[in-house]
């Protein structure tokens, strides 16, 4: 078992990076969890869900682009290099899901919202000014796919009869139609032979991987970044910057989720349905038991 802290002779305890980030974002994490739980009702409308999906697509795509740019630069930060996980790339999976919800010409008909644009600009800015902050992204939004993301995936799969997919389309299935972002796959020989680059082909021609194994591997990778536990002034300051960026990520993620169009209409529809079902239940009670229902 990996300990939660390491202690050097005469030094103070240093927490594992993922442990520290979890503890110092706990309050924000709880708010995000509550928002996601409420959001499980709004995703019953695919037109709402696809907006949320689109917002996070721009975020993941920008993060992955900035990681690649940084690793090609002349001044590569060793922490960013160690945290880089190309096998976790989500851009193509997002594109496959967005094609499912918006149609094959989706790129011509969508654009980032204001919160998404600000988020993208922020990521590009930190990549230039303080690239160590990029380490916070695999430790938050990517690990998030293995925690809250897997819960959302399970809820969607179990609620397929209530989740209205686009017309003439089947949610889930062997190819994870509409839920590809929650599934991690590994390349097989077909990918190498065909060389096709479309989002659907990229997702379809790969074998599924164990999410728990990938999650544990990512955590171990982040916790073993060389020099991140050093007590030097520079290391301490840069590690604190990663903590602050993780907190910023939670705030921006919540802003992204709450700034979608049509949420109020979805809630109104569900409230109307609730009272309709309640009225039906009361009427059946009166018919079956031949008595009046007393409201307390």
C-alpha atoms as a PDB file:
ATOM      1  CA  UNK A   1       0.000   0.000   0.000  1.00  0.00           C
ATOM      2  CA  UNK A   2       1.298   3.439  -0.892  1.00  0.00           C
ATOM      3  CA  UNK A   3       1.502   5.739   2.147  1.00  0.00           C
ATOM      4  CA  UNK A   4      -0.281   9.094   2.106  1.00  0.00           C
ATOM      5  CA  UNK A   5       2.889  10.932   3.077  1.00  0.00           C
ATOM      6  CA  UNK A   6       6.624  10.560   3.043  1.00  0.00           C
ATOM      7  CA  UNK A   7       8.936  11.841   5.759  1.00  0.00           C
ATOM      8  CA  UNK A   8      12.603  12.644   5.321  1.00  0.00           C
ATOM      9  CA  UNK A   9      15.052  12.930   8.209  1.00  0.00           C
ATOM     10  CA  UNK A  10      14.481  16.257   9.905  1.00  0.00           C
ATOM     11  CA  UNK A  11      11.818  17.258   7.358  1.00  0.00           C
ATOM     12  CA  UNK A  12       8.127  17.822   7.658  1.00  0.00           C
ATOM     13  CA  UNK A  13       5.574  15.474   6.145  1.00  0.00           C
ATOM     14  CA  UNK A  14       4.817  15.964   2.475  1.00  0.00           C
ATOM     15  CA  UNK A  15       1.477  14.699   1.238  1.00  0.00           C
ATOM     16  CA  UNK A  16       1.079  12.902  -2.025  1.00  0.00           C
ATOM     17  CA  UNK A  17       0.015  15.413  -4.658  1.00  0.00           C
ATOM     18  CA  UNK A  18      -3.362  13.781  -5.358  1.00  0.00           C
ATOM     19  CA  UNK A  19      -4.121  13.618  -1.631  1.00  0.00           C
ATOM     20  CA  UNK A  20      -3.282  17.289  -1.128  1.00  0.00           C
ATOM     21  CA  UNK A  21      -5.374  18.332  -4.116  1.00  0.00           C
ATOM     22  CA  UNK A  22      -8.328  16.274  -2.902  1.00  0.00           C
ATOM     23  CA  UNK A  23      -8.147  17.808   0.569  1.00  0.00           C
ATOM     24  CA  UNK A  24      -7.689  21.392  -0.592  1.00  0.00           C
ATOM     25  CA  UNK A  25     -10.531  21.221  -3.111  1.00  0.00           C
ATOM     26  CA  UNK A  26     -12.930  19.273  -0.870  1.00  0.00           C
ATOM     27  CA  UNK A  27     -15.424  22.106  -0.406  1.00  0.00           C
ATOM     28  CA  UNK A  28     -15.491  22.867  -4.119  1.00  0.00           C
ATOM     29  CA  UNK A  29     -15.668  19.157  -4.876  1.00  0.00           C
ATOM     30  CA  UNK A  30     -18.795  18.786  -2.741  1.00  0.00           C
ATOM     31  CA  UNK A  31     -20.438  21.712  -4.550  1.00  0.00           C
ATOM     32  CA  UNK A  32     -19.522  20.146  -7.887  1.00  0.00           C
ATOM     33  CA  UNK A  33     -20.897  16.770  -6.800  1.00  0.00           C
ATOM     34  CA  UNK A  34     -24.209  18.337  -5.840  1.00  0.00           C
ATOM     35  CA  UNK A  35     -24.329  20.135  -9.170  1.00  0.00           C
ATOM     36  CA  UNK A  36     -23.616  16.894 -11.036  1.00  0.00           C
ATOM     37  CA  UNK A  37     -26.309  15.069  -9.066  1.00  0.00           C
ATOM     38  CA  UNK A  38     -28.819  17.766  -9.978  1.00  0.00           C
ATOM     39  CA  UNK A  39     -27.485  17.678 -13.507  1.00  0.00           C
ATOM     40  CA  UNK A  40     -28.419  14.019 -13.806  1.00  0.00           C
ATOM     41  CA  UNK A  41     -31.973  15.264 -14.123  1.00  0.00           C
ATOM     42  CA  UNK A  42     -31.141  17.817 -16.791  1.00  0.00           C
ATOM     43  CA  UNK A  43     -29.233  15.292 -18.900  1.00  0.00           C
ATOM     44  CA  UNK A  44     -32.550  13.558 -19.441  1.00  0.00           C
ATOM     45  CA  UNK A  45     -32.834  16.196 -22.160  1.00  0.00           C
ATOM     46  CA  UNK A  46     -30.121  15.479 -24.714  1.00  0.00           C
ATOM     47  CA  UNK A  47     -30.219  19.070 -25.996  1.00  0.00           C
ATOM     48  CA  UNK A  48     -29.059  20.233 -22.556  1.00  0.00           C
ATOM     49  CA  UNK A  49     -26.539  17.453 -22.094  1.00  0.00           C
ATOM     50  CA  UNK A  50     -24.887  18.076 -25.461  1.00  0.00           C
ATOM     51  CA  UNK A  51     -24.278  21.724 -24.511  1.00  0.00           C
ATOM     52  CA  UNK A  52     -22.462  20.638 -21.354  1.00  0.00           C
ATOM     53  CA  UNK A  53     -20.556  18.070 -23.401  1.00  0.00           C
ATOM     54  CA  UNK A  54     -19.577  20.728 -25.935  1.00  0.00           C
ATOM     55  CA  UNK A  55     -18.263  23.060 -23.246  1.00  0.00           C
ATOM     56  CA  UNK A  56     -15.986  20.396 -21.799  1.00  0.00           C
ATOM     57  CA  UNK A  57     -14.895  19.366 -25.285  1.00  0.00           C
ATOM     58  CA  UNK A  58     -13.342  22.792 -25.775  1.00  0.00           C
ATOM     59  CA  UNK A  59     -11.627  22.528 -22.383  1.00  0.00           C
ATOM     60  CA  UNK A  60     -10.129  19.069 -22.933  1.00  0.00           C
ATOM     61  CA  UNK A  61      -9.121  19.914 -26.496  1.00  0.00           C
ATOM     62  CA  UNK A  62      -7.350  23.087 -25.361  1.00  0.00           C
ATOM     63  CA  UNK A  63      -5.547  21.282 -22.520  1.00  0.00           C
ATOM     64  CA  UNK A  64      -4.339  18.561 -24.879  1.00  0.00           C
ATOM     65  CA  UNK A  65      -3.214  21.099 -27.466  1.00  0.00           C
ATOM     66  CA  UNK A  66      -1.300  23.115 -24.866  1.00  0.00           C
ATOM     67  CA  UNK A  67       0.393  20.000 -23.479  1.00  0.00           C
ATOM     68  CA  UNK A  68       1.571  19.084 -26.982  1.00  0.00           C
ATOM     69  CA  UNK A  69       2.753  22.630 -27.705  1.00  0.00           C
ATOM     70  CA  UNK A  70       4.650  22.819 -24.435  1.00  0.00           C
ATOM     71  CA  UNK A  71       6.387  19.489 -24.972  1.00  0.00           C
ATOM     72  CA  UNK A  72       7.596  20.746 -28.375  1.00  0.00           C
ATOM     73  CA  UNK A  73       8.944  24.000 -26.922  1.00  0.00           C
ATOM     74  CA  UNK A  74      12.567  24.656 -26.068  1.00  0.00           C
ATOM     75  CA  UNK A  75      11.842  25.035 -22.336  1.00  0.00           C
ATOM     76  CA  UNK A  76       9.889  21.963 -21.232  1.00  0.00           C
ATOM     77  CA  UNK A  77       8.887  21.903 -17.589  1.00  0.00           C
ATOM     78  CA  UNK A  78       9.852  18.446 -16.204  1.00  0.00           C
ATOM     79  CA  UNK A  79       6.657  18.199 -14.150  1.00  0.00           C
ATOM     80  CA  UNK A  80       4.482  18.772 -17.210  1.00  0.00           C
ATOM     81  CA  UNK A  81       6.493  16.240 -19.168  1.00  0.00           C
ATOM     82  CA  UNK A  82       6.049  13.617 -16.443  1.00  0.00           C
ATOM     83  CA  UNK A  83       2.315  14.316 -16.084  1.00  0.00           C
ATOM     84  CA  UNK A  84       1.687  14.050 -19.825  1.00  0.00           C
ATOM     85  CA  UNK A  85      -0.594  11.069 -20.559  1.00  0.00           C
ATOM     86  CA  UNK A  86      -1.272  10.827 -24.303  1.00  0.00           C
ATOM     87  CA  UNK A  87      -3.094   7.507 -23.815  1.00  0.00           C
ATOM     88  CA  UNK A  88      -5.798   9.423 -21.908  1.00  0.00           C
ATOM     89  CA  UNK A  89      -6.466  11.814 -24.784  1.00  0.00           C
ATOM     90  CA  UNK A  90     -10.200  12.625 -24.934  1.00  0.00           C
ATOM     91  CA  UNK A  91     -10.549  14.959 -27.922  1.00  0.00           C
ATOM     92  CA  UNK A  92     -11.569  12.263 -30.414  1.00  0.00           C
ATOM     93  CA  UNK A  93     -13.962  10.628 -27.948  1.00  0.00           C
ATOM     94  CA  UNK A  94     -15.668  13.980 -27.358  1.00  0.00           C
ATOM     95  CA  UNK A  95     -15.926  14.490 -31.102  1.00  0.00           C
ATOM     96  CA  UNK A  96     -17.553  11.078 -31.545  1.00  0.00           C
ATOM     97  CA  UNK A  97     -20.141  11.899 -28.870  1.00  0.00           C
ATOM     98  CA  UNK A  98     -20.805  15.360 -30.289  1.00  0.00           C
ATOM     99  CA  UNK A  99     -21.315  13.883 -33.743  1.00  0.00           C
ATOM    100  CA  UNK A 100     -23.867  11.516 -32.187  1.00  0.00           C
ATOM    101  CA  UNK A 101     -25.808  14.346 -30.528  1.00  0.00           C
ATOM    102  CA  UNK A 102     -25.414  17.110 -33.124  1.00  0.00           C
ATOM    103  CA  UNK A 103     -24.983  15.203 -36.376  1.00  0.00           C
ATOM    104  CA  UNK A 104     -22.073  14.757 -38.820  1.00  0.00           C
ATOM    105  CA  UNK A 105     -21.783  18.477 -39.604  1.00  0.00           C
ATOM    106  CA  UNK A 106     -21.740  19.523 -35.939  1.00  0.00           C
ATOM    107  CA  UNK A 107     -18.505  21.490 -36.224  1.00  0.00           C
ATOM    108  CA  UNK A 108     -20.163  23.891 -38.651  1.00  0.00           C
ATOM    109  CA  UNK A 109     -23.078  24.556 -36.301  1.00  0.00           C
ATOM    110  CA  UNK A 110     -21.548  25.059 -32.856  1.00  0.00           C
ATOM    111  CA  UNK A 111     -19.298  27.568 -31.125  1.00  0.00           C
ATOM    112  CA  UNK A 112     -17.907  27.908 -27.591  1.00  0.00           C
ATOM    113  CA  UNK A 113     -19.950  29.774 -24.992  1.00  0.00           C
ATOM    114  CA  UNK A 114     -18.518  32.808 -23.199  1.00  0.00           C
ATOM    115  CA  UNK A 115     -17.457  30.747 -20.121  1.00  0.00           C
ATOM    116  CA  UNK A 116     -15.832  28.195 -22.456  1.00  0.00           C
ATOM    117  CA  UNK A 117     -13.944  30.908 -24.352  1.00  0.00           C
ATOM    118  CA  UNK A 118     -12.705  32.431 -21.089  1.00  0.00           C
ATOM    119  CA  UNK A 119     -11.684  28.974 -19.859  1.00  0.00           C
ATOM    120  CA  UNK A 120      -9.756  28.291 -23.072  1.00  0.00           C
ATOM    121  CA  UNK A 121      -7.984  31.657 -22.879  1.00  0.00           C
ATOM    122  CA  UNK A 122      -7.080  30.941 -19.253  1.00  0.00           C
ATOM    123  CA  UNK A 123      -5.533  27.561 -20.142  1.00  0.00           C
ATOM    124  CA  UNK A 124      -3.483  29.088 -22.941  1.00  0.00           C
ATOM    125  CA  UNK A 125      -2.347  31.886 -20.644  1.00  0.00           C
ATOM    126  CA  UNK A 126      -1.091  29.620 -17.863  1.00  0.00           C
ATOM    127  CA  UNK A 127       0.606  27.368 -20.402  1.00  0.00           C
ATOM    128  CA  UNK A 128       2.740  30.344 -21.396  1.00  0.00           C
ATOM    129  CA  UNK A 129       3.261  32.056 -18.039  1.00  0.00           C
ATOM    130  CA  UNK A 130       3.379  29.195 -15.509  1.00  0.00           C
ATOM    131  CA  UNK A 131       3.194  25.803 -17.258  1.00  0.00           C
ATOM    132  CA  UNK A 132       3.493  23.857 -14.010  1.00  0.00           C
ATOM    133  CA  UNK A 133      -0.205  24.669 -13.483  1.00  0.00           C
ATOM    134  CA  UNK A 134      -1.018  22.315 -16.373  1.00  0.00           C
ATOM    135  CA  UNK A 135      -0.295  19.442 -13.970  1.00  0.00           C
ATOM    136  CA  UNK A 136      -3.562  20.269 -12.200  1.00  0.00           C
ATOM    137  CA  UNK A 137      -5.636  19.181 -15.215  1.00  0.00           C
ATOM    138  CA  UNK A 138      -4.897  15.445 -15.318  1.00  0.00           C
ATOM    139  CA  UNK A 139      -5.261  15.512 -11.514  1.00  0.00           C
ATOM    140  CA  UNK A 140      -8.776  16.991 -11.733  1.00  0.00           C
ATOM    141  CA  UNK A 141     -10.718  16.755 -14.982  1.00  0.00           C
ATOM    142  CA  UNK A 142      -9.122  13.491 -16.134  1.00  0.00           C
ATOM    143  CA  UNK A 143      -9.345  11.764 -12.756  1.00  0.00           C
ATOM    144  CA  UNK A 144     -12.883  13.176 -12.603  1.00  0.00           C
ATOM    145  CA  UNK A 145     -13.852  10.959 -15.535  1.00  0.00           C
ATOM    146  CA  UNK A 146     -13.014   7.929 -13.387  1.00  0.00           C
ATOM    147  CA  UNK A 147     -15.088   9.122 -10.439  1.00  0.00           C
ATOM    148  CA  UNK A 148     -18.104  11.330 -11.157  1.00  0.00           C
ATOM    149  CA  UNK A 149     -17.849  10.564 -14.861  1.00  0.00           C
ATOM    150  CA  UNK A 150     -18.286   6.835 -14.343  1.00  0.00           C
ATOM    151  CA  UNK A 151     -21.291   7.502 -12.094  1.00  0.00           C
ATOM    152  CA  UNK A 152     -22.852   9.694 -14.779  1.00  0.00           C
ATOM    153  CA  UNK A 153     -22.156   7.015 -17.393  1.00  0.00           C
ATOM    154  CA  UNK A 154     -23.854   4.371 -15.275  1.00  0.00           C
ATOM    155  CA  UNK A 155     -26.881   6.601 -14.670  1.00  0.00           C
ATOM    156  CA  UNK A 156     -27.227   7.350 -18.371  1.00  0.00           C
ATOM    157  CA  UNK A 157     -26.962   3.683 -19.349  1.00  0.00           C
ATOM    158  CA  UNK A 158     -29.544   2.640 -16.759  1.00  0.00           C
ATOM    159  CA  UNK A 159     -31.862   5.448 -17.824  1.00  0.00           C
ATOM    160  CA  UNK A 160     -31.842   4.769 -21.561  1.00  0.00           C
ATOM    161  CA  UNK A 161     -35.633   4.564 -21.633  1.00  0.00           C
ATOM    162  CA  UNK A 162     -35.861   8.058 -20.115  1.00  0.00           C
ATOM    163  CA  UNK A 163     -32.906   9.624 -21.917  1.00  0.00           C
ATOM    164  CA  UNK A 164     -34.315  10.929 -25.207  1.00  0.00           C
ATOM    165  CA  UNK A 165     -31.577  10.403 -27.787  1.00  0.00           C
ATOM    166  CA  UNK A 166     -31.623  12.218 -31.112  1.00  0.00           C
ATOM    167  CA  UNK A 167     -34.185  10.741 -33.520  1.00  0.00           C
ATOM    168  CA  UNK A 168     -33.367   7.297 -34.980  1.00  0.00           C
ATOM    169  CA  UNK A 169     -30.317   6.822 -32.773  1.00  0.00           C
ATOM    170  CA  UNK A 170     -29.472   4.240 -30.109  1.00  0.00           C
ATOM    171  CA  UNK A 171     -27.591   5.378 -27.006  1.00  0.00           C
ATOM    172  CA  UNK A 172     -24.770   3.152 -25.767  1.00  0.00           C
ATOM    173  CA  UNK A 173     -24.219  -0.226 -27.349  1.00  0.00           C
ATOM    174  CA  UNK A 174     -20.974  -1.898 -28.319  1.00  0.00           C
ATOM    175  CA  UNK A 175     -19.497   1.357 -29.639  1.00  0.00           C
ATOM    176  CA  UNK A 176     -20.642   3.462 -26.659  1.00  0.00           C
ATOM    177  CA  UNK A 177     -22.654   5.761 -28.885  1.00  0.00           C
ATOM    178  CA  UNK A 178     -23.035   9.106 -27.126  1.00  0.00           C
ATOM    179  CA  UNK A 179     -21.004   8.040 -24.067  1.00  0.00           C
ATOM    180  CA  UNK A 180     -17.565   7.471 -25.593  1.00  0.00           C
ATOM    181  CA  UNK A 181     -15.867  10.034 -23.349  1.00  0.00           C
ATOM    182  CA  UNK A 182     -16.347   7.722 -20.361  1.00  0.00           C
ATOM    183  CA  UNK A 183     -14.689   4.749 -22.064  1.00  0.00           C
ATOM    184  CA  UNK A 184     -10.945   4.336 -22.446  1.00  0.00           C
ATOM    185  CA  UNK A 185      -9.695   2.167 -25.273  1.00  0.00           C
ATOM    186  CA  UNK A 186      -6.354   0.957 -26.529  1.00  0.00           C
ATOM    187  CA  UNK A 187      -5.225   0.890 -30.179  1.00  0.00           C
ATOM    188  CA  UNK A 188      -5.404  -2.385 -32.056  1.00  0.00           C
ATOM    189  CA  UNK A 189      -3.941  -3.505 -35.364  1.00  0.00           C
ATOM    190  CA  UNK A 190      -6.927  -2.172 -37.330  1.00  0.00           C
ATOM    191  CA  UNK A 191      -6.078   1.406 -36.307  1.00  0.00           C
ATOM    192  CA  UNK A 192      -2.493   0.987 -37.410  1.00  0.00           C
ATOM    193  CA  UNK A 193      -3.451  -0.627 -40.729  1.00  0.00           C
ATOM    194  CA  UNK A 194      -6.265   1.703 -41.777  1.00  0.00           C
ATOM    195  CA  UNK A 195      -4.752   4.971 -40.599  1.00  0.00           C
ATOM    196  CA  UNK A 196      -8.222   6.488 -40.447  1.00  0.00           C
ATOM    197  CA  UNK A 197      -8.621   9.613 -38.360  1.00  0.00           C
ATOM    198  CA  UNK A 198     -12.388  10.099 -38.022  1.00  0.00           C
ATOM    199  CA  UNK A 199     -13.721  10.296 -34.495  1.00  0.00           C
ATOM    200  CA  UNK A 200     -16.062   7.338 -34.938  1.00  0.00           C
ATOM    201  CA  UNK A 201     -13.337   5.089 -36.358  1.00  0.00           C
ATOM    202  CA  UNK A 202     -10.913   6.127 -33.631  1.00  0.00           C
ATOM    203  CA  UNK A 203     -13.348   5.165 -30.904  1.00  0.00           C
ATOM    204  CA  UNK A 204     -14.790   2.086 -32.606  1.00  0.00           C
ATOM    205  CA  UNK A 205     -11.569   0.242 -33.455  1.00  0.00           C
ATOM    206  CA  UNK A 206     -10.125   0.076 -29.967  1.00  0.00           C
ATOM    207  CA  UNK A 207     -10.477  -2.423 -27.147  1.00  0.00           C
ATOM    208  CA  UNK A 208     -11.838  -1.222 -23.817  1.00  0.00           C
ATOM    209  CA  UNK A 209      -9.445  -0.830 -20.901  1.00  0.00           C
ATOM    210  CA  UNK A 210     -10.072  -1.271 -17.192  1.00  0.00           C
ATOM    211  CA  UNK A 211     -10.916   2.240 -15.845  1.00  0.00           C
ATOM    212  CA  UNK A 212      -9.731   1.394 -12.320  1.00  0.00           C
ATOM    213  CA  UNK A 213      -6.355   0.284 -13.612  1.00  0.00           C
ATOM    214  CA  UNK A 214      -5.969   3.477 -15.641  1.00  0.00           C
ATOM    215  CA  UNK A 215      -7.104   5.626 -12.703  1.00  0.00           C
ATOM    216  CA  UNK A 216      -4.583   4.043 -10.327  1.00  0.00           C
ATOM    217  CA  UNK A 217      -1.861   4.364 -12.939  1.00  0.00           C
ATOM    218  CA  UNK A 218      -2.576   8.063 -13.417  1.00  0.00           C
ATOM    219  CA  UNK A 219      -2.565   8.713  -9.668  1.00  0.00           C
ATOM    220  CA  UNK A 220       0.763   6.909  -9.302  1.00  0.00           C
ATOM    221  CA  UNK A 221       2.176   8.875 -12.233  1.00  0.00           C
ATOM    222  CA  UNK A 222       1.163  12.207 -10.707  1.00  0.00           C
ATOM    223  CA  UNK A 223       2.398  11.276  -7.237  1.00  0.00           C
ATOM    224  CA  UNK A 224       5.811  10.275  -8.587  1.00  0.00           C
ATOM    225  CA  UNK A 225       6.632  13.521 -10.412  1.00  0.00           C
ATOM    226  CA  UNK A 226      10.364  14.062  -9.786  1.00  0.00           C
ATOM    227  CA  UNK A 227      11.054  17.005  -7.502  1.00  0.00           C
ATOM    228  CA  UNK A 228       7.446  17.799  -6.642  1.00  0.00           C
ATOM    229  CA  UNK A 229       8.089  16.855  -2.994  1.00  0.00           C
ATOM    230  CA  UNK A 230      11.266  18.931  -2.725  1.00  0.00           C
ATOM    231  CA  UNK A 231      11.263  21.511   0.005  1.00  0.00           C
ATOM    232  CA  UNK A 232      13.017  24.101  -2.112  1.00  0.00           C
ATOM    233  CA  UNK A 233      11.393  27.513  -2.403  1.00  0.00           C
ATOM    234  CA  UNK A 234      10.748  27.058  -6.123  1.00  0.00           C
ATOM    235  CA  UNK A 235       9.204  23.601  -5.739  1.00  0.00           C
ATOM    236  CA  UNK A 236       6.965  24.716  -2.878  1.00  0.00           C
ATOM    237  CA  UNK A 237       5.758  27.762  -4.835  1.00  0.00           C
ATOM    238  CA  UNK A 238       5.067  25.768  -8.009  1.00  0.00           C
ATOM    239  CA  UNK A 239       3.264  23.034  -6.090  1.00  0.00           C
ATOM    240  CA  UNK A 240       1.090  25.684  -4.442  1.00  0.00           C
ATOM    241  CA  UNK A 241       0.358  27.048  -7.918  1.00  0.00           C
ATOM    242  CA  UNK A 242      -0.930  23.603  -8.925  1.00  0.00           C
ATOM    243  CA  UNK A 243      -3.239  23.583  -5.884  1.00  0.00           C
ATOM    244  CA  UNK A 244      -4.562  27.029  -6.776  1.00  0.00           C
ATOM    245  CA  UNK A 245      -5.125  25.949 -10.370  1.00  0.00           C
ATOM    246  CA  UNK A 246      -7.057  22.879  -9.218  1.00  0.00           C
ATOM    247  CA  UNK A 247      -9.338  25.165  -7.226  1.00  0.00           C
ATOM    248  CA  UNK A 248      -9.717  27.428 -10.263  1.00  0.00           C
ATOM    249  CA  UNK A 249     -10.663  24.412 -12.383  1.00  0.00           C
ATOM    250  CA  UNK A 250     -13.550  23.474 -10.085  1.00  0.00           C
ATOM    251  CA  UNK A 251     -14.895  27.037 -10.145  1.00  0.00           C
ATOM    252  CA  UNK A 252     -14.690  27.236 -13.929  1.00  0.00           C
ATOM    253  CA  UNK A 253     -16.218  23.776 -14.371  1.00  0.00           C
ATOM    254  CA  UNK A 254     -19.242  24.784 -12.316  1.00  0.00           C
ATOM    255  CA  UNK A 255     -19.563  28.010 -14.287  1.00  0.00           C
ATOM    256  CA  UNK A 256     -19.443  25.987 -17.505  1.00  0.00           C
ATOM    257  CA  UNK A 257     -22.214  23.657 -16.345  1.00  0.00           C
ATOM    258  CA  UNK A 258     -24.554  26.358 -15.082  1.00  0.00           C
ATOM    259  CA  UNK A 259     -24.342  28.531 -18.191  1.00  0.00           C
ATOM    260  CA  UNK A 260     -26.249  26.394 -20.666  1.00  0.00           C
ATOM    261  CA  UNK A 261     -29.454  27.323 -22.435  1.00  0.00           C
ATOM    262  CA  UNK A 262     -32.764  25.661 -21.675  1.00  0.00           C
ATOM    263  CA  UNK A 263     -32.105  24.304 -18.166  1.00  0.00           C
ATOM    264  CA  UNK A 264     -35.011  26.272 -16.679  1.00  0.00           C
ATOM    265  CA  UNK A 265     -37.377  24.788 -19.276  1.00  0.00           C
ATOM    266  CA  UNK A 266     -36.247  21.274 -18.373  1.00  0.00           C
ATOM    267  CA  UNK A 267     -36.864  21.876 -14.672  1.00  0.00           C
ATOM    268  CA  UNK A 268     -40.288  23.386 -15.412  1.00  0.00           C
ATOM    269  CA  UNK A 269     -41.216  20.338 -17.462  1.00  0.00           C
ATOM    270  CA  UNK A 270     -40.131  17.959 -14.718  1.00  0.00           C
ATOM    271  CA  UNK A 271     -42.009  19.932 -12.036  1.00  0.00           C
ATOM    272  CA  UNK A 272     -45.172  19.822 -14.154  1.00  0.00           C
ATOM    273  CA  UNK A 273     -44.724  16.071 -14.646  1.00  0.00           C
ATOM    274  CA  UNK A 274     -44.223  15.570 -10.915  1.00  0.00           C
ATOM    275  CA  UNK A 275     -47.471  17.299 -10.000  1.00  0.00           C
ATOM    276  CA  UNK A 276     -49.296  15.521 -12.824  1.00  0.00           C
ATOM    277  CA  UNK A 277     -48.153  12.128 -11.550  1.00  0.00           C
ATOM    278  CA  UNK A 278     -49.011  13.186  -8.002  1.00  0.00           C
ATOM    279  CA  UNK A 279     -52.533  14.157  -9.084  1.00  0.00           C
ATOM    280  CA  UNK A 280     -52.956  10.806 -10.821  1.00  0.00           C
ATOM    281  CA  UNK A 281     -51.752   8.991  -7.710  1.00  0.00           C
ATOM    282  CA  UNK A 282     -54.225  10.899  -5.531  1.00  0.00           C
ATOM    283  CA  UNK A 283     -57.078  10.127  -7.940  1.00  0.00           C
ATOM    284  CA  UNK A 284     -56.213   6.423  -7.928  1.00  0.00           C
ATOM    285  CA  UNK A 285     -56.031   6.449  -4.125  1.00  0.00           C
ATOM    286  CA  UNK A 286     -59.537   7.937  -3.948  1.00  0.00           C
ATOM    287  CA  UNK A 287     -60.894   5.425  -6.456  1.00  0.00           C
ATOM    288  CA  UNK A 288     -59.297   2.351  -4.889  1.00  0.00           C
ATOM    289  CA  UNK A 289     -60.016   3.199  -1.269  1.00  0.00           C
ATOM    290  CA  UNK A 290     -63.189   5.218  -1.896  1.00  0.00           C
ATOM    291  CA  UNK A 291     -62.110   8.009   0.392  1.00  0.00           C
ATOM    292  CA  UNK A 292     -60.877  11.556   0.200  1.00  0.00           C
ATOM    293  CA  UNK A 293     -57.158  12.325   0.372  1.00  0.00           C
ATOM    294  CA  UNK A 294     -56.332  14.691   3.212  1.00  0.00           C
ATOM    295  CA  UNK A 295     -53.521  17.145   2.496  1.00  0.00           C
ATOM    296  CA  UNK A 296     -51.452  17.859   5.588  1.00  0.00           C
END
